[in-house]
Amino acid sequence: MINDVIIRDIKKDEIAELLVLCEEHALYEKADFSHEDKKQRLEEYLFQDNSPLYCIVVEYKGNLIAYTTVMKQFSTWDVSFYLYMDCLYINEKYRSLGLGKKLLEKIKQRAKILNCNLIQWQTPSFNTKAINFYKNNNAVSKTKERFFLTIF
């Protein structure tokens, strides 16, 4: 199965399928999710010229089974750009098959193309499987609090 997957950038006509995975991801992380207005906005942000946002998907037998979204950001401390991984989600049926490692490799390739020498992300502290996966792939954790400030 692992050799039968295609890892590639998302296509515009797959946004609805991506939103299903996003909802699964939100539920897995015990968060709320609404589909309202997201299809149109994702199409706009992902496919506009010079977008800093990228979505990489895993396709298996014509269906999307995993995705990651990354965006190029800047670190003032390091005075360099880095890639921020907002999401990495694999449908539960397809976990522990090596897809996460393949996605990380694809993210590393994208970082190199974008001249970023660092990838950053976060995961909930209760997601011990993900934490162990990241540590097993040489990622280092920094403990910080994440804050949210709603503007509108």
N, C-alpha and C. Protein backbone atom coordinates (compact mmCIF):
# COMPACT_ATOMS: atom_id res chain seq x y z
N MET A 1 0.83 -1.19 0.00
CA MET A 1 0.00 0.00 0.00
C MET A 1 0.87 1.25 0.00
N ILE A 2 1.91 1.29 0.79
CA ILE A 2 2.74 2.48 0.91
C ILE A 2 3.35 2.88 -0.43
N ASN A 3 3.61 1.90 -1.28
CA ASN A 3 4.17 2.19 -2.60
C ASN A 3 3.11 2.63 -3.60
N ASP A 4 1.84 2.47 -3.26
CA ASP A 4 0.74 2.83 -4.15
C ASP A 4 0.21 4.23 -3.90
N VAL A 5 0.79 4.97 -2.97
CA VAL A 5 0.30 6.32 -2.69
C VAL A 5 1.01 7.33 -3.58
N ILE A 6 0.33 8.44 -3.78
CA ILE A 6 0.89 9.58 -4.51
C ILE A 6 0.91 10.75 -3.54
N ILE A 7 2.07 11.35 -3.36
CA ILE A 7 2.21 12.52 -2.49
C ILE A 7 2.50 13.70 -3.40
N ARG A 8 1.61 14.70 -3.33
CA ARG A 8 1.67 15.81 -4.28
C ARG A 8 0.92 17.02 -3.73
N ASP A 9 1.04 18.14 -4.43
CA ASP A 9 0.27 19.32 -4.08
C ASP A 9 -1.21 19.08 -4.37
N ILE A 10 -2.04 19.72 -3.58
CA ILE A 10 -3.48 19.58 -3.76
C ILE A 10 -3.92 20.23 -5.06
N LYS A 11 -5.01 19.72 -5.61
CA LYS A 11 -5.63 20.31 -6.80
C LYS A 11 -6.87 21.08 -6.36
N LYS A 12 -7.22 22.08 -7.15
CA LYS A 12 -8.33 22.97 -6.80
C LYS A 12 -9.64 22.21 -6.59
N ASP A 13 -9.87 21.17 -7.36
CA ASP A 13 -11.14 20.44 -7.25
C ASP A 13 -11.17 19.45 -6.07
N GLU A 14 -10.13 19.47 -5.23
CA GLU A 14 -10.07 18.55 -4.08
C GLU A 14 -10.31 19.25 -2.74
N ILE A 15 -10.66 20.52 -2.77
CA ILE A 15 -10.81 21.28 -1.53
C ILE A 15 -11.91 20.69 -0.64
N ALA A 16 -13.02 20.28 -1.22
CA ALA A 16 -14.10 19.69 -0.42
C ALA A 16 -13.62 18.42 0.29
N GLU A 17 -12.84 17.62 -0.40
CA GLU A 17 -12.29 16.39 0.20
C GLU A 17 -11.28 16.75 1.30
N LEU A 18 -10.50 17.80 1.07
CA LEU A 18 -9.56 18.27 2.09
C LEU A 18 -10.31 18.70 3.35
N LEU A 19 -11.43 19.36 3.18
CA LEU A 19 -12.20 19.82 4.35
C LEU A 19 -12.72 18.66 5.19
N VAL A 20 -13.01 17.53 4.57
CA VAL A 20 -13.41 16.34 5.33
C VAL A 20 -12.25 15.90 6.23
N LEU A 21 -11.04 15.88 5.67
CA LEU A 21 -9.86 15.53 6.46
C LEU A 21 -9.61 16.57 7.55
N CYS A 22 -9.83 17.84 7.25
CA CYS A 22 -9.65 18.89 8.25
C CYS A 22 -10.62 18.68 9.43
N GLU A 23 -11.84 18.31 9.10
CA GLU A 23 -12.83 18.07 10.16
C GLU A 23 -12.41 16.86 11.02
N GLU A 24 -11.94 15.79 10.38
CA GLU A 24 -11.43 14.63 11.12
C GLU A 24 -10.29 15.06 12.04
N HIS A 25 -9.40 15.88 11.50
CA HIS A 25 -8.25 16.36 12.26
C HIS A 25 -8.70 17.16 13.48
N ALA A 26 -9.64 18.07 13.28
CA ALA A 26 -10.15 18.88 14.39
C ALA A 26 -10.77 17.99 15.47
N LEU A 27 -11.57 17.02 15.06
CA LEU A 27 -12.19 16.12 16.03
C LEU A 27 -11.12 15.33 16.80
N TYR A 28 -10.09 14.88 16.08
CA TYR A 28 -9.00 14.14 16.71
C TYR A 28 -8.30 14.99 17.77
N GLU A 29 -8.18 16.30 17.48
CA GLU A 29 -7.52 17.21 18.43
C GLU A 29 -8.50 17.87 19.39
N LYS A 30 -9.73 17.34 19.42
CA LYS A 30 -10.76 17.80 20.36
C LYS A 30 -11.08 19.28 20.19
N ALA A 31 -11.20 19.70 18.93
CA ALA A 31 -11.48 21.09 18.60
C ALA A 31 -12.76 21.17 17.77
N ASP A 32 -13.37 22.34 17.79
CA ASP A 32 -14.56 22.58 16.98
C ASP A 32 -14.16 22.78 15.53
N PHE A 33 -15.11 22.51 14.63
CA PHE A 33 -14.85 22.71 13.21
C PHE A 33 -16.16 23.06 12.52
N SER A 34 -16.09 24.02 11.62
CA SER A 34 -17.23 24.40 10.80
C SER A 34 -16.77 24.48 9.35
N HIS A 35 -17.60 24.00 8.43
CA HIS A 35 -17.27 24.06 7.01
C HIS A 35 -17.60 25.44 6.42
N GLU A 36 -18.30 26.27 7.18
CA GLU A 36 -18.82 27.53 6.68
C GLU A 36 -17.74 28.39 6.00
N ASP A 37 -17.94 28.67 4.73
CA ASP A 37 -17.11 29.60 3.96
C ASP A 37 -15.66 29.15 3.77
N LYS A 38 -15.31 27.95 4.21
CA LYS A 38 -13.90 27.54 4.14
C LYS A 38 -13.47 27.08 2.75
N LYS A 39 -14.37 26.47 2.01
CA LYS A 39 -13.99 25.97 0.68
C LYS A 39 -13.52 27.13 -0.20
N GLN A 40 -14.30 28.17 -0.27
CA GLN A 40 -13.97 29.33 -1.10
C GLN A 40 -12.68 30.00 -0.62
N ARG A 41 -12.54 30.17 0.68
CA ARG A 41 -11.35 30.85 1.21
C ARG A 41 -10.10 30.01 1.00
N LEU A 42 -10.18 28.68 1.19
CA LEU A 42 -9.02 27.83 0.94
C LEU A 42 -8.61 27.88 -0.53
N GLU A 43 -9.60 27.82 -1.41
CA GLU A 43 -9.28 27.94 -2.85
C GLU A 43 -8.54 29.24 -3.12
N GLU A 44 -9.02 30.31 -2.54
CA GLU A 44 -8.40 31.62 -2.74
C GLU A 44 -6.97 31.64 -2.21
N TYR A 45 -6.77 31.20 -0.99
CA TYR A 45 -5.45 31.28 -0.35
C TYR A 45 -4.45 30.30 -0.96
N LEU A 46 -4.89 29.10 -1.27
CA LEU A 46 -3.97 28.10 -1.79
C LEU A 46 -3.56 28.35 -3.24
N PHE A 47 -4.44 28.96 -4.01
CA PHE A 47 -4.18 29.05 -5.45
C PHE A 47 -3.95 30.48 -5.95
N GLN A 48 -3.78 31.42 -5.04
CA GLN A 48 -3.45 32.77 -5.50
C GLN A 48 -1.98 32.84 -5.89
N ASP A 49 -1.64 33.78 -6.72
CA ASP A 49 -0.25 33.97 -7.13
C ASP A 49 0.61 34.30 -5.92
N ASN A 50 1.78 33.69 -5.85
CA ASN A 50 2.76 33.93 -4.78
C ASN A 50 2.22 33.65 -3.38
N SER A 51 1.34 32.68 -3.26
CA SER A 51 0.79 32.32 -1.96
C SER A 51 1.90 31.73 -1.07
N PRO A 52 1.96 32.13 0.20
CA PRO A 52 2.93 31.53 1.12
C PRO A 52 2.43 30.19 1.68
N LEU A 53 1.19 29.83 1.36
CA LEU A 53 0.54 28.63 1.89
C LEU A 53 0.60 27.50 0.87
N TYR A 54 0.98 26.31 1.35
CA TYR A 54 1.07 25.12 0.50
C TYR A 54 0.34 23.98 1.18
N CYS A 55 -0.34 23.18 0.38
CA CYS A 55 -1.02 21.99 0.91
C CYS A 55 -0.54 20.79 0.12
N ILE A 56 0.02 19.83 0.83
CA ILE A 56 0.51 18.59 0.25
C ILE A 56 -0.44 17.48 0.71
N VAL A 57 -0.87 16.65 -0.22
CA VAL A 57 -1.82 15.59 0.11
C VAL A 57 -1.24 14.22 -0.24
N VAL A 58 -1.83 13.22 0.40
CA VAL A 58 -1.52 11.83 0.07
C VAL A 58 -2.77 11.24 -0.55
N GLU A 59 -2.61 10.76 -1.77
CA GLU A 59 -3.71 10.15 -2.50
C GLU A 59 -3.49 8.63 -2.55
N TYR A 60 -4.56 7.90 -2.27
CA TYR A 60 -4.52 6.44 -2.35
C TYR A 60 -5.80 5.97 -3.02
N LYS A 61 -5.65 5.28 -4.13
CA LYS A 61 -6.79 4.77 -4.90
C LYS A 61 -7.82 5.86 -5.20
N GLY A 62 -7.31 7.04 -5.56
CA GLY A 62 -8.19 8.14 -5.97
C GLY A 62 -8.78 8.95 -4.84
N ASN A 63 -8.44 8.62 -3.59
CA ASN A 63 -8.97 9.35 -2.44
C ASN A 63 -7.84 10.00 -1.64
N LEU A 64 -8.13 11.16 -1.06
CA LEU A 64 -7.17 11.80 -0.17
C LEU A 64 -7.25 11.15 1.20
N ILE A 65 -6.10 10.71 1.72
CA ILE A 65 -6.08 10.03 3.02
C ILE A 65 -5.23 10.78 4.04
N ALA A 66 -4.53 11.82 3.61
CA ALA A 66 -3.68 12.59 4.53
C ALA A 66 -3.37 13.93 3.89
N TYR A 67 -3.00 14.87 4.74
CA TYR A 67 -2.59 16.18 4.22
C TYR A 67 -1.67 16.86 5.22
N THR A 68 -0.95 17.82 4.70
CA THR A 68 -0.18 18.73 5.53
C THR A 68 -0.27 20.11 4.89
N THR A 69 -0.31 21.13 5.71
CA THR A 69 -0.25 22.50 5.21
C THR A 69 0.95 23.18 5.84
N VAL A 70 1.67 23.90 5.01
CA VAL A 70 2.87 24.61 5.46
C VAL A 70 2.87 26.02 4.88
N MET A 71 3.54 26.92 5.57
CA MET A 71 3.66 28.28 5.06
C MET A 71 5.03 28.85 5.41
N LYS A 72 5.52 29.66 4.53
CA LYS A 72 6.81 30.30 4.73
C LYS A 72 6.63 31.49 5.67
N GLN A 73 7.46 31.53 6.73
CA GLN A 73 7.41 32.61 7.70
C GLN A 73 8.82 33.09 8.00
N PHE A 74 8.90 34.18 8.74
CA PHE A 74 10.19 34.79 9.02
C PHE A 74 10.48 34.81 10.52
N SER A 75 11.73 34.50 10.88
CA SER A 75 12.18 34.57 12.26
C SER A 75 13.10 35.78 12.42
N THR A 76 12.68 36.71 13.24
CA THR A 76 13.50 37.90 13.49
C THR A 76 14.76 37.51 14.24
N TRP A 77 14.64 36.59 15.19
CA TRP A 77 15.81 36.17 15.96
C TRP A 77 16.88 35.56 15.07
N ASP A 78 16.47 34.70 14.16
CA ASP A 78 17.42 34.01 13.28
C ASP A 78 17.72 34.80 12.01
N VAL A 79 16.92 35.81 11.76
CA VAL A 79 17.01 36.62 10.54
C VAL A 79 17.02 35.70 9.31
N SER A 80 16.03 34.82 9.28
CA SER A 80 15.90 33.90 8.15
C SER A 80 14.45 33.41 8.08
N PHE A 81 14.13 32.87 6.92
CA PHE A 81 12.81 32.29 6.73
C PHE A 81 12.81 30.85 7.21
N TYR A 82 11.65 30.41 7.65
CA TYR A 82 11.45 29.01 8.03
C TYR A 82 10.10 28.56 7.51
N LEU A 83 9.88 27.28 7.50
CA LEU A 83 8.60 26.72 7.09
C LEU A 83 7.82 26.35 8.34
N TYR A 84 6.61 26.86 8.47
CA TYR A 84 5.75 26.52 9.59
C TYR A 84 4.73 25.49 9.11
N MET A 85 4.71 24.34 9.77
CA MET A 85 3.74 23.29 9.45
C MET A 85 2.52 23.50 10.34
N ASP A 86 1.44 23.93 9.73
CA ASP A 86 0.21 24.18 10.49
C ASP A 86 -0.49 22.88 10.82
N CYS A 87 -0.56 21.99 9.86
CA CYS A 87 -1.27 20.72 10.05
C CYS A 87 -0.50 19.58 9.42
N LEU A 88 -0.58 18.45 10.04
CA LEU A 88 -0.18 17.18 9.43
C LEU A 88 -1.17 16.16 9.97
N TYR A 89 -1.97 15.60 9.10
CA TYR A 89 -3.00 14.66 9.53
C TYR A 89 -3.05 13.48 8.57
N ILE A 90 -3.14 12.31 9.15
CA ILE A 90 -3.29 11.07 8.40
C ILE A 90 -4.54 10.37 8.92
N ASN A 91 -5.44 10.01 8.01
CA ASN A 91 -6.64 9.29 8.41
C ASN A 91 -6.25 8.07 9.24
N GLU A 92 -7.01 7.83 10.29
CA GLU A 92 -6.67 6.80 11.28
C GLU A 92 -6.38 5.43 10.67
N LYS A 93 -7.09 5.06 9.62
CA LYS A 93 -6.90 3.74 8.99
C LYS A 93 -5.52 3.59 8.35
N TYR A 94 -4.85 4.71 8.10
CA TYR A 94 -3.60 4.66 7.35
C TYR A 94 -2.38 5.08 8.18
N ARG A 95 -2.55 5.15 9.48
CA ARG A 95 -1.42 5.52 10.35
C ARG A 95 -0.50 4.33 10.57
N SER A 96 0.73 4.62 10.96
CA SER A 96 1.76 3.63 11.27
C SER A 96 2.17 2.81 10.05
N LEU A 97 2.05 3.41 8.87
CA LEU A 97 2.45 2.73 7.64
C LEU A 97 3.64 3.43 6.97
N GLY A 98 4.16 4.47 7.61
CA GLY A 98 5.28 5.20 7.03
C GLY A 98 4.90 6.44 6.27
N LEU A 99 3.60 6.77 6.23
CA LEU A 99 3.16 7.95 5.49
C LEU A 99 3.63 9.26 6.14
N GLY A 100 3.65 9.29 7.46
CA GLY A 100 4.11 10.49 8.16
C GLY A 100 5.54 10.81 7.79
N LYS A 101 6.37 9.80 7.75
CA LYS A 101 7.78 9.98 7.39
C LYS A 101 7.89 10.49 5.95
N LYS A 102 7.07 9.93 5.06
CA LYS A 102 7.08 10.38 3.66
C LYS A 102 6.62 11.84 3.56
N LEU A 103 5.61 12.20 4.34
CA LEU A 103 5.15 13.59 4.33
C LEU A 103 6.24 14.53 4.86
N LEU A 104 6.90 14.12 5.93
CA LEU A 104 7.99 14.96 6.46
C LEU A 104 9.09 15.15 5.42
N GLU A 105 9.40 14.12 4.68
CA GLU A 105 10.41 14.24 3.62
C GLU A 105 9.96 15.23 2.55
N LYS A 106 8.69 15.18 2.20
CA LYS A 106 8.16 16.11 1.20
C LYS A 106 8.19 17.55 1.73
N ILE A 107 7.93 17.72 3.02
CA ILE A 107 8.00 19.05 3.63
C ILE A 107 9.44 19.55 3.63
N LYS A 108 10.39 18.66 3.92
CA LYS A 108 11.80 19.05 3.88
C LYS A 108 12.19 19.50 2.47
N GLN A 109 11.73 18.78 1.47
CA GLN A 109 12.02 19.16 0.08
C GLN A 109 11.46 20.55 -0.22
N ARG A 110 10.23 20.81 0.23
CA ARG A 110 9.60 22.11 0.00
C ARG A 110 10.38 23.21 0.73
N ALA A 111 10.83 22.91 1.93
CA ALA A 111 11.62 23.89 2.68
C ALA A 111 12.89 24.26 1.92
N LYS A 112 13.56 23.28 1.36
CA LYS A 112 14.78 23.54 0.59
C LYS A 112 14.48 24.39 -0.64
N ILE A 113 13.40 24.08 -1.33
CA ILE A 113 13.01 24.86 -2.51
C ILE A 113 12.76 26.32 -2.13
N LEU A 114 12.16 26.53 -0.96
CA LEU A 114 11.81 27.87 -0.50
C LEU A 114 12.95 28.54 0.28
N ASN A 115 14.12 27.89 0.29
CA ASN A 115 15.30 28.42 0.98
C ASN A 115 15.06 28.61 2.48
N CYS A 116 14.40 27.64 3.08
CA CYS A 116 14.15 27.63 4.52
C CYS A 116 15.00 26.50 5.13
N ASN A 117 15.73 26.82 6.19
CA ASN A 117 16.59 25.80 6.79
C ASN A 117 16.00 25.23 8.08
N LEU A 118 14.76 25.58 8.38
CA LEU A 118 14.12 25.12 9.62
C LEU A 118 12.64 24.91 9.36
N ILE A 119 12.08 23.89 10.02
CA ILE A 119 10.63 23.65 9.99
C ILE A 119 10.16 23.70 11.44
N GLN A 120 9.08 24.41 11.69
CA GLN A 120 8.50 24.49 13.03
C GLN A 120 7.05 24.04 12.98
N TRP A 121 6.57 23.51 14.12
CA TRP A 121 5.17 23.13 14.24
C TRP A 121 4.86 22.89 15.71
N GLN A 122 3.63 22.56 15.98
CA GLN A 122 3.22 22.22 17.34
C GLN A 122 2.18 21.12 17.28
N THR A 123 2.00 20.46 18.39
CA THR A 123 0.98 19.43 18.51
C THR A 123 0.47 19.45 19.95
N PRO A 124 -0.77 19.09 20.16
CA PRO A 124 -1.28 19.07 21.54
C PRO A 124 -0.48 18.12 22.43
N SER A 125 -0.32 18.48 23.68
CA SER A 125 0.48 17.66 24.60
C SER A 125 -0.12 16.27 24.81
N PHE A 126 -1.42 16.10 24.57
CA PHE A 126 -2.04 14.79 24.75
C PHE A 126 -1.81 13.86 23.55
N ASN A 127 -1.29 14.40 22.45
CA ASN A 127 -1.09 13.60 21.25
C ASN A 127 0.27 12.89 21.31
N THR A 128 0.36 11.95 22.22
CA THR A 128 1.64 11.29 22.49
C THR A 128 2.16 10.48 21.30
N LYS A 129 1.26 9.93 20.48
CA LYS A 129 1.72 9.20 19.29
C LYS A 129 2.46 10.14 18.34
N ALA A 130 1.89 11.32 18.13
CA ALA A 130 2.55 12.30 17.25
C ALA A 130 3.86 12.77 17.86
N ILE A 131 3.85 13.04 19.15
CA ILE A 131 5.08 13.50 19.82
C ILE A 131 6.18 12.46 19.68
N ASN A 132 5.86 11.21 19.91
CA ASN A 132 6.86 10.14 19.76
C ASN A 132 7.32 10.02 18.30
N PHE A 133 6.39 10.15 17.36
CA PHE A 133 6.75 10.10 15.95
C PHE A 133 7.74 11.22 15.62
N TYR A 134 7.45 12.43 16.05
CA TYR A 134 8.33 13.56 15.74
C TYR A 134 9.71 13.36 16.38
N LYS A 135 9.72 12.92 17.62
CA LYS A 135 11.01 12.70 18.29
C LYS A 135 11.80 11.60 17.60
N ASN A 136 11.11 10.55 17.15
CA ASN A 136 11.78 9.47 16.43
C ASN A 136 12.33 9.92 15.07
N ASN A 137 11.85 11.06 14.60
CA ASN A 137 12.33 11.62 13.33
C ASN A 137 13.22 12.83 13.56
N ASN A 138 13.89 12.84 14.74
CA ASN A 138 14.92 13.82 15.08
C ASN A 138 14.41 15.24 15.32
N ALA A 139 13.12 15.41 15.56
CA ALA A 139 12.60 16.73 15.91
C ALA A 139 12.84 16.98 17.40
N VAL A 140 13.04 18.23 17.74
CA VAL A 140 13.29 18.64 19.12
C VAL A 140 12.13 19.51 19.57
N SER A 141 11.64 19.25 20.77
CA SER A 141 10.51 20.00 21.32
C SER A 141 10.99 21.18 22.17
N LYS A 142 10.28 22.28 22.05
CA LYS A 142 10.48 23.44 22.92
C LYS A 142 9.14 23.71 23.60
N THR A 143 9.14 23.73 24.90
CA THR A 143 7.90 23.96 25.63
C THR A 143 7.59 25.45 25.65
N LYS A 144 6.40 25.77 25.17
CA LYS A 144 5.89 27.14 25.17
C LYS A 144 4.39 27.07 25.37
N GLU A 145 3.82 28.17 25.81
CA GLU A 145 2.38 28.29 25.87
C GLU A 145 1.91 28.94 24.58
N ARG A 146 0.80 28.48 24.04
CA ARG A 146 0.24 29.10 22.86
C ARG A 146 -0.98 29.91 23.27
N PHE A 147 -1.03 31.16 22.84
CA PHE A 147 -2.13 32.06 23.19
C PHE A 147 -2.96 32.39 21.97
N PHE A 148 -4.22 32.68 22.21
CA PHE A 148 -5.17 33.04 21.16
C PHE A 148 -5.83 34.35 21.55
N LEU A 149 -5.90 35.28 20.62
CA LEU A 149 -6.55 36.56 20.84
C LEU A 149 -7.51 36.78 19.67
N THR A 150 -8.80 36.68 19.93
CA THR A 150 -9.79 36.84 18.89
C THR A 150 -9.98 38.31 18.59
N ILE A 151 -9.92 38.69 17.32
CA ILE A 151 -10.06 40.08 16.92
C ILE A 151 -11.49 40.37 16.48
N PHE A 152 -12.09 39.47 15.72
CA PHE A 152 -13.49 39.67 15.32
C PHE A 152 -14.18 38.35 15.19
